[in-house]
Amino acid sequence: MSNGMNMADMFGKIMEMQQKVARVQESLAARTVTAEAGGGMVRVTANGNQRITAIKIEPDAVDPDDLELLEDLVIAGVNKALDEAAEMAREEMARAAGGMLPPGMDLSQFGL
């Protein structure tokens, strides 16, 4: 390579980046976000691996005559929590790989 980086250096950088990504993925399992729907009547917690870890429903949200509203609130809360967890994961992965990627490289095409 004419820019001074040989293949061994390049592979070393790739290995280092893989190790950083693996550490971030492990740490994301322990990090959580909580999203609310219906003004806090439904709270959904998801971890950085985009897994739902808890759902809390206020008793006032349970109306036997309007279960559809509760179902909608749960769906809204789950979707919001998953979106927030995905954003947290993207930010952490970008931080981990940031110093090793060319400027402006977007990792979103790789699901990161």
Protein backbone atom coordinates (compact mmCIF):
# COMPACT_ATOMS: atom_id res chain seq x y z
CA MET A 1 0.00 0.00 0.00
CA SER A 2 1.35 3.35 -0.94
CA ASN A 3 -0.03 5.29 2.00
CA GLY A 4 2.30 3.62 4.47
CA MET A 5 -0.21 1.15 5.95
CA ASN A 6 0.67 -2.46 5.32
CA MET A 7 -1.71 -5.41 5.37
CA ALA A 8 -0.65 -6.46 8.87
CA ASP A 9 -1.47 -2.97 10.20
CA MET A 10 -4.84 -3.01 8.44
CA PHE A 11 -5.75 -6.43 9.84
CA GLY A 12 -4.60 -5.31 13.28
CA LYS A 13 -6.95 -2.33 13.09
CA ILE A 14 -9.80 -4.58 11.97
CA MET A 15 -9.20 -6.97 14.87
CA GLU A 16 -9.05 -4.07 17.32
CA MET A 17 -12.33 -2.70 15.98
CA GLN A 18 -13.98 -6.14 16.25
CA GLN A 19 -12.89 -6.39 19.87
CA LYS A 20 -14.27 -2.93 20.66
CA VAL A 21 -17.57 -3.76 18.97
CA ALA A 22 -17.83 -7.02 20.95
CA ARG A 23 -17.22 -5.15 24.23
CA VAL A 24 -19.86 -2.56 23.35
CA GLN A 25 -22.38 -5.26 22.46
CA GLU A 26 -21.80 -6.91 25.83
CA SER A 27 -22.20 -3.61 27.67
CA LEU A 28 -25.42 -2.79 25.79
CA ALA A 29 -27.14 -5.78 27.39
CA ALA A 30 -26.74 -4.06 30.76
CA ARG A 31 -27.88 -0.60 29.62
CA THR A 32 -31.58 0.20 29.46
CA VAL A 33 -33.97 2.86 28.26
CA THR A 34 -37.53 3.38 29.46
CA ALA A 35 -40.26 4.84 27.28
CA GLU A 36 -43.71 5.99 28.31
CA ALA A 37 -47.05 5.97 26.52
CA GLY A 38 -50.36 7.46 27.56
CA GLY A 39 -48.76 10.04 29.79
CA GLY A 40 -46.91 7.40 31.79
CA MET A 41 -49.79 4.96 32.09
CA VAL A 42 -47.62 2.38 30.31
CA ARG A 43 -43.84 2.23 30.79
CA VAL A 44 -41.67 -0.10 28.74
CA THR A 45 -38.01 -0.82 29.43
CA ALA A 46 -35.69 -2.22 26.77
CA ASN A 47 -31.99 -3.01 26.88
CA GLY A 48 -29.35 -2.03 24.36
CA ASN A 49 -29.78 -5.36 22.61
CA GLN A 50 -33.32 -4.24 21.82
CA ARG A 51 -35.00 -6.73 24.11
CA ILE A 52 -37.96 -5.74 26.27
CA THR A 53 -37.00 -6.26 29.92
CA ALA A 54 -40.04 -4.82 31.71
CA ILE A 55 -43.54 -3.47 31.14
CA LYS A 56 -45.33 -1.53 33.88
CA ILE A 57 -49.01 -0.66 33.52
CA GLU A 58 -50.78 1.72 35.86
CA PRO A 59 -54.05 0.27 37.22
CA ASP A 60 -55.97 3.27 35.83
CA ALA A 61 -54.97 2.18 32.32
CA VAL A 62 -56.94 -1.05 32.68
CA ASP A 63 -60.51 -0.53 31.60
CA PRO A 64 -62.28 -3.83 30.86
CA ASP A 65 -64.61 -1.95 28.53
CA ASP A 66 -61.73 -0.47 26.50
CA LEU A 67 -58.98 -3.06 26.18
CA GLU A 68 -58.16 -1.71 22.73
CA LEU A 69 -56.80 1.49 24.30
CA LEU A 70 -54.51 -0.50 26.60
CA GLU A 71 -53.32 -2.63 23.68
CA ASP A 72 -52.53 0.54 21.69
CA LEU A 73 -50.64 2.02 24.65
CA VAL A 74 -48.55 -1.15 25.03
CA ILE A 75 -47.73 -1.18 21.32
CA ALA A 76 -46.79 2.51 21.39
CA GLY A 77 -44.61 2.02 24.46
CA VAL A 78 -42.85 -1.02 23.04
CA ASN A 79 -42.14 0.68 19.73
CA LYS A 80 -40.83 3.81 21.42
CA ALA A 81 -38.59 1.81 23.78
CA LEU A 82 -37.18 -0.25 20.90
CA ASP A 83 -36.51 2.91 18.87
CA GLU A 84 -34.69 4.49 21.82
CA ALA A 85 -32.69 1.29 22.46
CA ALA A 86 -31.69 1.12 18.79
CA GLU A 87 -30.54 4.74 18.86
CA MET A 88 -28.52 4.11 22.03
CA ALA A 89 -26.87 1.10 20.36
CA ARG A 90 -26.08 3.10 17.19
CA GLU A 91 -24.47 5.86 19.23
CA GLU A 92 -22.37 3.43 21.27
CA MET A 93 -21.22 1.49 18.19
CA ALA A 94 -20.33 4.71 16.37
CA ARG A 95 -18.33 5.82 19.42
CA ALA A 96 -16.50 2.49 19.57
CA ALA A 97 -15.63 2.49 15.90
CA GLY A 98 -15.30 6.25 15.49
CA GLY A 99 -11.55 6.55 15.65
CA MET A 100 -11.03 3.72 13.21
CA LEU A 101 -13.42 4.68 10.45
CA PRO A 102 -12.85 7.12 7.64
CA PRO A 103 -14.53 10.49 8.32
CA GLY A 104 -18.18 10.53 7.30
CA MET A 105 -18.56 6.75 7.08
CA ASP A 106 -22.11 5.83 8.04
CA LEU A 107 -22.52 2.55 9.93
CA SER A 108 -26.31 2.53 9.60
CA GLN A 109 -26.07 0.54 6.39
CA PHE A 110 -24.60 -2.28 8.48
CA GLY A 111 -27.37 -2.16 11.07
CA LEU A 112 -25.21 -0.24 13.54
